[in-house]
Amino acid sequence: MLERKPLKGKTQVTFVLPENSPEGPVSVVGDFNHWNPAAHPLEPRGDGTRAANVSLSANSSHSFRYLWPATLRPGCSRKPRHLRTCRSEALT
């Protein structure tokens, strides 16, 4: 799930996933952070979810994926476990 909050000249995007699905650490990678898995790890929140906040230019488009060391699922890349990605989406 994505949450968007308009800011002055920017948009704060919050990437949200359930706390334990998928299991293990999860990061959001995208063109806004040069696909760097260390840049935006999802952190637990008090409501049973985990999230990462990213501030982006207003009215811009971006691509992202969630990255985690998980069992291969349909729709996921067939890369080594630590590089698997799923749920590719575009932000507009």
N, C-alpha and C. Protein backbone atom coordinates (compact mmCIF):
# COMPACT_ATOMS: atom_id res chain seq x y z
N MET A 1 0.84 -1.16 0.00
CA MET A 1 0.00 0.00 0.00
C MET A 1 0.90 1.24 0.00
N LEU A 2 0.44 2.26 -0.67
CA LEU A 2 1.14 3.53 -0.69
C LEU A 2 0.29 4.60 -0.02
N GLU A 3 0.94 5.42 0.79
CA GLU A 3 0.28 6.57 1.38
C GLU A 3 1.00 7.80 0.84
N ARG A 4 0.25 8.79 0.41
CA ARG A 4 0.83 10.01 -0.12
C ARG A 4 0.40 11.21 0.71
N LYS A 5 1.36 12.10 0.96
CA LYS A 5 1.06 13.32 1.71
C LYS A 5 1.72 14.49 0.99
N PRO A 6 0.92 15.44 0.48
CA PRO A 6 1.51 16.59 -0.21
C PRO A 6 2.29 17.48 0.77
N LEU A 7 3.45 17.89 0.34
CA LEU A 7 4.27 18.84 1.08
C LEU A 7 4.58 19.99 0.14
N LYS A 8 5.22 21.03 0.61
CA LYS A 8 5.53 22.18 -0.23
C LYS A 8 6.51 21.78 -1.34
N GLY A 9 5.98 21.66 -2.57
CA GLY A 9 6.81 21.31 -3.72
C GLY A 9 7.23 19.86 -3.79
N LYS A 10 6.79 19.05 -2.83
CA LYS A 10 7.15 17.64 -2.79
C LYS A 10 5.95 16.80 -2.39
N THR A 11 6.14 15.50 -2.46
CA THR A 11 5.16 14.55 -1.96
C THR A 11 5.89 13.55 -1.09
N GLN A 12 5.40 13.35 0.13
CA GLN A 12 5.94 12.30 0.97
C GLN A 12 5.18 11.02 0.66
N VAL A 13 5.91 10.01 0.20
CA VAL A 13 5.31 8.72 -0.11
C VAL A 13 5.74 7.75 0.98
N THR A 14 4.77 7.06 1.57
CA THR A 14 5.05 6.05 2.58
C THR A 14 4.69 4.70 1.98
N PHE A 15 5.69 3.83 1.92
CA PHE A 15 5.52 2.47 1.42
C PHE A 15 5.18 1.59 2.60
N VAL A 16 4.07 0.87 2.55
CA VAL A 16 3.57 0.13 3.70
C VAL A 16 3.31 -1.32 3.33
N LEU A 17 3.77 -2.23 4.19
CA LEU A 17 3.50 -3.67 4.06
C LEU A 17 3.10 -4.21 5.42
N PRO A 18 2.39 -5.36 5.46
CA PRO A 18 2.13 -6.01 6.75
C PRO A 18 3.45 -6.33 7.46
N GLU A 19 3.41 -6.35 8.78
CA GLU A 19 4.63 -6.51 9.58
C GLU A 19 5.39 -7.79 9.26
N ASN A 20 4.71 -8.90 9.04
CA ASN A 20 5.41 -10.17 8.82
C ASN A 20 5.15 -10.78 7.46
N SER A 21 4.72 -10.02 6.50
CA SER A 21 4.47 -10.55 5.18
C SER A 21 5.00 -9.58 4.14
N PRO A 22 6.08 -9.92 3.49
CA PRO A 22 6.83 -11.16 3.58
C PRO A 22 7.71 -11.17 4.84
N GLU A 23 8.15 -12.36 5.21
CA GLU A 23 9.00 -12.49 6.40
C GLU A 23 10.37 -11.91 6.14
N GLY A 24 11.00 -11.45 7.19
CA GLY A 24 12.37 -10.94 7.10
C GLY A 24 12.41 -9.47 6.72
N PRO A 25 13.62 -8.96 6.59
CA PRO A 25 13.79 -7.54 6.26
C PRO A 25 13.31 -7.25 4.84
N VAL A 26 12.73 -6.07 4.68
CA VAL A 26 12.25 -5.61 3.37
C VAL A 26 12.72 -4.18 3.17
N SER A 27 13.15 -3.87 1.95
CA SER A 27 13.50 -2.51 1.58
C SER A 27 12.71 -2.13 0.35
N VAL A 28 12.53 -0.83 0.17
CA VAL A 28 11.96 -0.34 -1.08
C VAL A 28 13.12 0.25 -1.88
N VAL A 29 13.24 -0.21 -3.11
CA VAL A 29 14.28 0.28 -4.01
C VAL A 29 13.62 0.88 -5.24
N GLY A 30 14.25 1.91 -5.79
CA GLY A 30 13.67 2.53 -6.97
C GLY A 30 14.62 3.52 -7.59
N ASP A 31 14.15 4.14 -8.67
CA ASP A 31 15.00 5.11 -9.34
C ASP A 31 15.28 6.33 -8.46
N PHE A 32 14.45 6.57 -7.45
CA PHE A 32 14.63 7.70 -6.53
C PHE A 32 15.76 7.47 -5.53
N ASN A 33 16.21 6.23 -5.34
CA ASN A 33 17.33 5.95 -4.43
C ASN A 33 18.41 5.12 -5.11
N HIS A 34 18.43 5.18 -6.43
CA HIS A 34 19.44 4.49 -7.24
C HIS A 34 19.43 2.99 -6.99
N TRP A 35 18.23 2.44 -6.69
CA TRP A 35 18.02 1.00 -6.47
C TRP A 35 18.91 0.46 -5.34
N ASN A 36 19.14 1.29 -4.35
CA ASN A 36 20.01 0.94 -3.21
C ASN A 36 19.18 0.31 -2.10
N PRO A 37 19.37 -1.00 -1.81
CA PRO A 37 18.56 -1.66 -0.78
C PRO A 37 18.78 -1.13 0.64
N ALA A 38 19.90 -0.46 0.89
CA ALA A 38 20.16 0.07 2.23
C ALA A 38 19.53 1.44 2.45
N ALA A 39 19.04 2.07 1.39
CA ALA A 39 18.55 3.45 1.49
C ALA A 39 17.22 3.58 2.23
N HIS A 40 16.28 2.65 2.02
CA HIS A 40 14.95 2.79 2.61
C HIS A 40 14.40 1.45 3.12
N PRO A 41 14.96 0.94 4.21
CA PRO A 41 14.39 -0.29 4.80
C PRO A 41 13.04 0.03 5.45
N LEU A 42 12.13 -0.90 5.38
CA LEU A 42 10.84 -0.73 6.04
C LEU A 42 11.01 -1.01 7.53
N GLU A 43 10.49 -0.12 8.35
CA GLU A 43 10.60 -0.22 9.80
C GLU A 43 9.22 -0.48 10.40
N PRO A 44 9.16 -1.26 11.50
CA PRO A 44 7.86 -1.56 12.13
C PRO A 44 7.17 -0.29 12.63
N ARG A 45 5.86 -0.28 12.50
CA ARG A 45 5.02 0.77 13.06
C ARG A 45 4.14 0.14 14.13
N GLY A 46 3.50 0.92 14.93
CA GLY A 46 2.68 0.42 16.03
C GLY A 46 1.37 -0.22 15.62
N ASP A 47 1.01 -0.15 14.35
CA ASP A 47 -0.29 -0.66 13.91
C ASP A 47 -0.21 -2.03 13.23
N GLY A 48 0.91 -2.73 13.39
CA GLY A 48 1.04 -4.05 12.77
C GLY A 48 1.53 -4.01 11.33
N THR A 49 2.01 -2.86 10.89
CA THR A 49 2.59 -2.75 9.56
C THR A 49 4.03 -2.28 9.69
N ARG A 50 4.72 -2.24 8.58
CA ARG A 50 6.05 -1.64 8.54
C ARG A 50 6.10 -0.72 7.34
N ALA A 51 6.94 0.32 7.42
CA ALA A 51 6.89 1.35 6.40
C ALA A 51 8.23 2.04 6.23
N ALA A 52 8.38 2.69 5.07
CA ALA A 52 9.51 3.56 4.78
C ALA A 52 8.95 4.81 4.11
N ASN A 53 9.47 5.97 4.51
CA ASN A 53 9.05 7.25 3.94
C ASN A 53 10.09 7.75 2.96
N VAL A 54 9.60 8.27 1.84
CA VAL A 54 10.47 8.84 0.82
C VAL A 54 9.86 10.17 0.39
N SER A 55 10.67 11.21 0.32
CA SER A 55 10.21 12.51 -0.15
C SER A 55 10.60 12.64 -1.62
N LEU A 56 9.59 12.88 -2.47
CA LEU A 56 9.80 12.96 -3.92
C LEU A 56 9.30 14.29 -4.45
N SER A 57 9.85 14.71 -5.57
CA SER A 57 9.37 15.93 -6.21
C SER A 57 7.89 15.78 -6.56
N ALA A 58 7.14 16.85 -6.39
CA ALA A 58 5.72 16.82 -6.73
C ALA A 58 5.55 16.59 -8.22
N ASN A 59 4.49 15.89 -8.60
CA ASN A 59 4.14 15.64 -9.99
C ASN A 59 5.24 14.93 -10.77
N SER A 60 5.95 14.02 -10.12
CA SER A 60 6.99 13.25 -10.80
C SER A 60 6.58 11.78 -10.84
N SER A 61 7.18 11.05 -11.76
CA SER A 61 6.91 9.61 -11.88
C SER A 61 8.16 8.84 -11.50
N HIS A 62 7.96 7.71 -10.82
CA HIS A 62 9.08 6.88 -10.38
C HIS A 62 8.69 5.41 -10.47
N SER A 63 9.70 4.56 -10.59
CA SER A 63 9.51 3.11 -10.53
C SER A 63 10.15 2.60 -9.26
N PHE A 64 9.52 1.57 -8.67
CA PHE A 64 10.08 0.98 -7.45
C PHE A 64 9.72 -0.48 -7.38
N ARG A 65 10.40 -1.16 -6.46
CA ARG A 65 10.11 -2.55 -6.11
C ARG A 65 10.40 -2.74 -4.64
N TYR A 66 9.73 -3.74 -4.06
CA TYR A 66 10.08 -4.19 -2.72
C TYR A 66 11.12 -5.29 -2.87
N LEU A 67 12.12 -5.26 -2.01
CA LEU A 67 13.22 -6.22 -2.08
C LEU A 67 13.32 -6.94 -0.75
N TRP A 68 13.35 -8.28 -0.79
CA TRP A 68 13.49 -9.06 0.44
C TRP A 68 14.07 -10.43 0.13
N PRO A 69 14.74 -11.05 1.11
CA PRO A 69 15.27 -12.40 0.93
C PRO A 69 14.17 -13.42 1.21
N ALA A 70 13.44 -13.80 0.20
CA ALA A 70 12.25 -14.63 0.42
C ALA A 70 12.24 -15.81 -0.53
N THR A 71 11.31 -16.68 -0.29
CA THR A 71 11.07 -17.79 -1.19
C THR A 71 10.54 -17.23 -2.49
N LEU A 72 10.98 -17.79 -3.60
CA LEU A 72 10.53 -17.30 -4.89
C LEU A 72 9.04 -17.50 -5.04
N ARG A 73 8.35 -16.46 -5.45
CA ARG A 73 6.90 -16.52 -5.66
C ARG A 73 6.60 -16.16 -7.10
N PRO A 74 5.44 -16.52 -7.60
CA PRO A 74 5.07 -16.11 -8.96
C PRO A 74 5.16 -14.60 -9.10
N GLY A 75 5.71 -14.14 -10.19
CA GLY A 75 5.84 -12.71 -10.43
C GLY A 75 7.14 -12.12 -9.91
N CYS A 76 7.95 -12.92 -9.23
CA CYS A 76 9.22 -12.44 -8.70
C CYS A 76 10.34 -12.78 -9.68
N SER A 77 11.41 -12.02 -9.61
CA SER A 77 12.56 -12.30 -10.46
C SER A 77 13.26 -13.57 -10.00
N ARG A 78 14.00 -14.18 -10.87
CA ARG A 78 14.72 -15.40 -10.53
C ARG A 78 16.20 -15.12 -10.28
N LYS A 79 16.46 -14.13 -9.49
CA LYS A 79 17.82 -13.76 -9.12
C LYS A 79 18.18 -14.47 -7.82
N PRO A 80 19.45 -14.40 -7.39
CA PRO A 80 19.81 -14.95 -6.08
C PRO A 80 18.91 -14.37 -5.00
N ARG A 81 18.71 -15.12 -3.93
CA ARG A 81 17.74 -14.76 -2.89
C ARG A 81 17.87 -13.32 -2.42
N HIS A 82 19.10 -12.84 -2.22
CA HIS A 82 19.25 -11.49 -1.67
C HIS A 82 18.95 -10.39 -2.69
N LEU A 83 18.71 -10.75 -3.96
CA LEU A 83 18.42 -9.76 -4.98
C LEU A 83 17.01 -9.90 -5.56
N ARG A 84 16.19 -10.78 -5.03
CA ARG A 84 14.85 -11.00 -5.59
C ARG A 84 13.97 -9.80 -5.35
N THR A 85 13.18 -9.50 -6.33
CA THR A 85 12.25 -8.38 -6.22
C THR A 85 10.88 -8.80 -6.71
N CYS A 86 9.87 -8.16 -6.17
CA CYS A 86 8.48 -8.41 -6.53
C CYS A 86 7.69 -7.13 -6.42
N ARG A 87 6.44 -7.20 -6.84
CA ARG A 87 5.50 -6.10 -6.68
C ARG A 87 6.03 -4.80 -7.31
N SER A 88 6.52 -4.90 -8.50
CA SER A 88 6.98 -3.71 -9.19
C SER A 88 5.81 -2.80 -9.51
N GLU A 89 5.96 -1.53 -9.24
CA GLU A 89 4.90 -0.58 -9.51
C GLU A 89 5.51 0.72 -9.98
N ALA A 90 4.72 1.54 -10.55
CA ALA A 90 5.14 2.88 -10.95
C ALA A 90 4.41 3.91 -10.11
N LEU A 91 5.11 4.92 -9.71
CA LEU A 91 4.53 6.04 -8.96
C LEU A 91 4.30 7.17 -9.94
N THR A 92 3.17 7.80 -9.86
CA THR A 92 2.94 8.98 -10.69
C THR A 92 2.41 10.12 -9.84
